[in-house]
Every structure is written in structure tokens, then in C-alpha cells.
Amino acid sequence: MESSLLKLHIESASTLYTDRTGNSSPSMAGHVWLEIVQADGSTKQAGFAPIDHKTGLSSVPGQVYDNDGPAYAGSSYFSATYRITEGQAKLLERFIGACPNFCVNGISFNS
């Protein structure tokens, strides 16, 4: 049985982040996101972050993002890779896609 990989990435504070509209700003506190690499090489990314740019420490509405790899400038401050089973990878993918089951209003959560 071939295994999959779980990659955890940490971006440091002030890393430049470019959102889907092309606006760039430094990350206020840094960011952690994950990447699942299947045995066939396909990948799925997920990061949990505010819907709108966060300017303070209070809790704000957030959502799951699938583009953190290209959205953060340069290489991650730290990355770690773990070998996981195909079943564990599928479970993580279901969790990432299950926002309606654990999010506040079916599409988002507080970040």
C-alpha cells in the first residue's frame, strides 16, 4: 500500500500575503497551513484564516483557504513532512471539505 504525505507549513509574521484579488499585505501574526500529497502526486491545501484582512487580535469570521502555497511569498519559515496512510489522508480531506458540519454559519468560522 502506497502512503500519502502530510506537510505542515509555518509562515512567519510579516510574510507577504497576496489575496485572491491581488492585494498584498504582510501577515500580522504568521500562519500555519497544511498540504496533503496523495501517492499519485495530487495535492490538497488548507489553511484557516479570516475572510477579511485582520487588523487586531479580536476574533473575526474566517474560512478555509486552498491557495496558501502560492499566496505566501517565498518559502515557508518551517515545514515538516509526515508519512500518513491513504485512509488518514482521506479523513483529513473530508474534514477540510466538511465546513458545513463544523463552521458557525455553514461556510465560515471565527478566526
C-alpha atoms as a PDB file:
ATOM      1  CA  MET A   1       0.000   0.000   0.000  1.00  0.00           C
ATOM      2  CA  GLU A   2       1.410   3.364  -1.005  1.00  0.00           C
ATOM      3  CA  SER A   3       1.378   6.104   1.571  1.00  0.00           C
ATOM      4  CA  SER A   4       0.453   9.754   1.384  1.00  0.00           C
ATOM      5  CA  LEU A   5       2.219  12.728   2.926  1.00  0.00           C
ATOM      6  CA  LEU A   6       1.022  15.392   5.328  1.00  0.00           C
ATOM      7  CA  LYS A   7       3.061  18.580   5.073  1.00  0.00           C
ATOM      8  CA  LEU A   8       2.680  21.260   7.739  1.00  0.00           C
ATOM      9  CA  HIS A   9       3.897  24.730   6.783  1.00  0.00           C
ATOM     10  CA  ILE A  10       4.534  27.703   9.062  1.00  0.00           C
ATOM     11  CA  GLU A  11       4.776  31.240   7.710  1.00  0.00           C
ATOM     12  CA  SER A  12       6.427  33.828   9.939  1.00  0.00           C
ATOM     13  CA  ALA A  13       4.886  37.146  10.944  1.00  0.00           C
ATOM     14  CA  SER A  14       5.324  39.862   8.299  1.00  0.00           C
ATOM     15  CA  THR A  15       5.491  37.335   5.427  1.00  0.00           C
ATOM     16  CA  LEU A  16       3.887  38.993   2.413  1.00  0.00           C
ATOM     17  CA  TYR A  17       0.463  37.518   1.642  1.00  0.00           C
ATOM     18  CA  THR A  18      -1.391  38.098  -1.646  1.00  0.00           C
ATOM     19  CA  ASP A  19      -5.144  37.510  -1.554  1.00  0.00           C
ATOM     20  CA  ARG A  20      -7.310  36.248  -4.431  1.00  0.00           C
ATOM     21  CA  THR A  21      -7.963  39.814  -5.627  1.00  0.00           C
ATOM     22  CA  GLY A  22      -4.229  40.543  -5.939  1.00  0.00           C
ATOM     23  CA  ASN A  23      -3.944  42.759  -2.860  1.00  0.00           C
ATOM     24  CA  SER A  24      -0.768  42.122  -0.851  1.00  0.00           C
ATOM     25  CA  SER A  25      -0.070  42.812   2.807  1.00  0.00           C
ATOM     26  CA  PRO A  26       2.245  41.443   5.499  1.00  0.00           C
ATOM     27  CA  SER A  27       0.848  38.670   7.676  1.00  0.00           C
ATOM     28  CA  MET A  28       0.097  40.139  11.106  1.00  0.00           C
ATOM     29  CA  ALA A  29       0.966  37.075  13.195  1.00  0.00           C
ATOM     30  CA  GLY A  30       2.165  34.428  10.761  1.00  0.00           C
ATOM     31  CA  HIS A  31       0.161  31.475   9.544  1.00  0.00           C
ATOM     32  CA  VAL A  32       0.024  27.672   9.618  1.00  0.00           C
ATOM     33  CA  TRP A  33      -1.393  25.635   6.768  1.00  0.00           C
ATOM     34  CA  LEU A  34      -1.379  22.017   5.702  1.00  0.00           C
ATOM     35  CA  GLU A  35      -0.887  20.164   2.462  1.00  0.00           C
ATOM     36  CA  ILE A  36      -1.897  16.589   1.697  1.00  0.00           C
ATOM     37  CA  VAL A  37       0.106  14.851  -1.031  1.00  0.00           C
ATOM     38  CA  GLN A  38      -1.504  11.680  -2.350  1.00  0.00           C
ATOM     39  CA  ALA A  39       0.535   8.728  -3.652  1.00  0.00           C
ATOM     40  CA  ASP A  40      -0.286   9.798  -7.242  1.00  0.00           C
ATOM     41  CA  GLY A  41       1.255  13.251  -6.591  1.00  0.00           C
ATOM     42  CA  SER A  42      -2.016  15.194  -6.409  1.00  0.00           C
ATOM     43  CA  THR A  43      -2.199  17.742  -3.592  1.00  0.00           C
ATOM     44  CA  LYS A  44      -4.811  19.496  -1.496  1.00  0.00           C
ATOM     45  CA  GLN A  45      -4.015  22.550   0.643  1.00  0.00           C
ATOM     46  CA  ALA A  46      -5.948  24.018   3.532  1.00  0.00           C
ATOM     47  CA  GLY A  47      -5.421  26.996   5.758  1.00  0.00           C
ATOM     48  CA  PHE A  48      -7.935  28.501   8.167  1.00  0.00           C
ATOM     49  CA  ALA A  49      -7.889  32.311   8.132  1.00  0.00           C
ATOM     50  CA  PRO A  50     -10.042  35.459   8.373  1.00  0.00           C
ATOM     51  CA  ILE A  51     -12.393  36.230   5.491  1.00  0.00           C
ATOM     52  CA  ASP A  52     -11.263  39.866   5.534  1.00  0.00           C
ATOM     53  CA  HIS A  53      -7.795  41.130   6.432  1.00  0.00           C
ATOM     54  CA  LYS A  54      -7.411  41.073  10.210  1.00  0.00           C
ATOM     55  CA  THR A  55      -6.221  44.295  11.841  1.00  0.00           C
ATOM     56  CA  GLY A  56      -6.403  43.300  15.510  1.00  0.00           C
ATOM     57  CA  LEU A  57      -6.384  40.360  17.859  1.00  0.00           C
ATOM     58  CA  SER A  58     -10.146  40.022  18.262  1.00  0.00           C
ATOM     59  CA  SER A  59     -11.980  37.074  16.765  1.00  0.00           C
ATOM     60  CA  VAL A  60     -13.352  37.650  13.269  1.00  0.00           C
ATOM     61  CA  PRO A  61     -15.220  35.492  10.729  1.00  0.00           C
ATOM     62  CA  GLY A  62     -12.918  33.065   8.930  1.00  0.00           C
ATOM     63  CA  GLN A  63     -12.964  30.356   6.277  1.00  0.00           C
ATOM     64  CA  VAL A  64     -10.906  27.548   4.739  1.00  0.00           C
ATOM     65  CA  TYR A  65      -8.468  28.640   2.007  1.00  0.00           C
ATOM     66  CA  ASP A  66      -6.936  26.298  -0.553  1.00  0.00           C
ATOM     67  CA  ASN A  67      -4.249  28.577  -2.004  1.00  0.00           C
ATOM     68  CA  ASP A  68      -1.809  29.293   0.830  1.00  0.00           C
ATOM     69  CA  GLY A  69       1.203  27.832  -1.025  1.00  0.00           C
ATOM     70  CA  PRO A  70       1.215  30.414  -3.812  1.00  0.00           C
ATOM     71  CA  ALA A  71      -0.381  33.161  -1.658  1.00  0.00           C
ATOM     72  CA  TYR A  72       2.544  33.488   0.787  1.00  0.00           C
ATOM     73  CA  ALA A  73       5.784  34.929  -0.621  1.00  0.00           C
ATOM     74  CA  GLY A  74       8.894  32.755  -0.676  1.00  0.00           C
ATOM     75  CA  SER A  75       9.499  29.512   1.124  1.00  0.00           C
ATOM     76  CA  SER A  76       7.799  28.686   4.407  1.00  0.00           C
ATOM     77  CA  TYR A  77       9.653  29.634   7.590  1.00  0.00           C
ATOM     78  CA  PHE A  78       9.341  25.980   8.633  1.00  0.00           C
ATOM     79  CA  SER A  79       7.893  22.859   7.023  1.00  0.00           C
ATOM     80  CA  ALA A  80       7.621  19.310   8.300  1.00  0.00           C
ATOM     81  CA  THR A  81       6.578  16.226   6.330  1.00  0.00           C
ATOM     82  CA  TYR A  82       4.886  13.173   7.817  1.00  0.00           C
ATOM     83  CA  ARG A  83       4.072   9.901   6.074  1.00  0.00           C
ATOM     84  CA  ILE A  84       0.406   9.016   6.594  1.00  0.00           C
ATOM     85  CA  THR A  85      -1.847   6.257   5.313  1.00  0.00           C
ATOM     86  CA  GLU A  86      -4.248   6.771   2.431  1.00  0.00           C
ATOM     87  CA  GLY A  87      -7.097   6.406   4.941  1.00  0.00           C
ATOM     88  CA  GLN A  88      -5.697   9.198   7.121  1.00  0.00           C
ATOM     89  CA  ALA A  89      -5.299  11.414   4.047  1.00  0.00           C
ATOM     90  CA  LYS A  90      -8.907  10.809   3.016  1.00  0.00           C
ATOM     91  CA  LEU A  91     -10.100  11.576   6.557  1.00  0.00           C
ATOM     92  CA  LEU A  92      -8.204  14.889   6.541  1.00  0.00           C
ATOM     93  CA  GLU A  93      -9.650  15.755   3.136  1.00  0.00           C
ATOM     94  CA  ARG A  94     -13.166  15.028   4.416  1.00  0.00           C
ATOM     95  CA  PHE A  95     -12.548  17.268   7.445  1.00  0.00           C
ATOM     96  CA  ILE A  96     -11.295  20.092   5.222  1.00  0.00           C
ATOM     97  CA  GLY A  97     -14.351  19.764   2.995  1.00  0.00           C
ATOM     98  CA  ALA A  98     -16.779  19.395   5.903  1.00  0.00           C
ATOM     99  CA  CYS A  99     -17.060  23.057   6.825  1.00  0.00           C
ATOM    100  CA  PRO A 100     -20.870  22.928   6.862  1.00  0.00           C
ATOM    101  CA  ASN A 101     -20.588  20.426   9.732  1.00  0.00           C
ATOM    102  CA  PHE A 102     -18.254  22.411  11.977  1.00  0.00           C
ATOM    103  CA  CYS A 103     -18.462  26.026  10.835  1.00  0.00           C
ATOM    104  CA  VAL A 104     -20.534  28.715  12.516  1.00  0.00           C
ATOM    105  CA  ASN A 105     -22.888  29.501   9.636  1.00  0.00           C
ATOM    106  CA  GLY A 106     -22.207  26.626   7.242  1.00  0.00           C
ATOM    107  CA  ILE A 107     -19.412  28.384   5.368  1.00  0.00           C
ATOM    108  CA  SER A 108     -17.180  30.087   7.896  1.00  0.00           C
ATOM    109  CA  PHE A 109     -15.856  30.036  11.459  1.00  0.00           C
ATOM    110  CA  ASN A 110     -14.315  32.551  13.835  1.00  0.00           C
ATOM    111  CA  SER A 111     -10.598  33.075  13.393  1.00  0.00           C
END
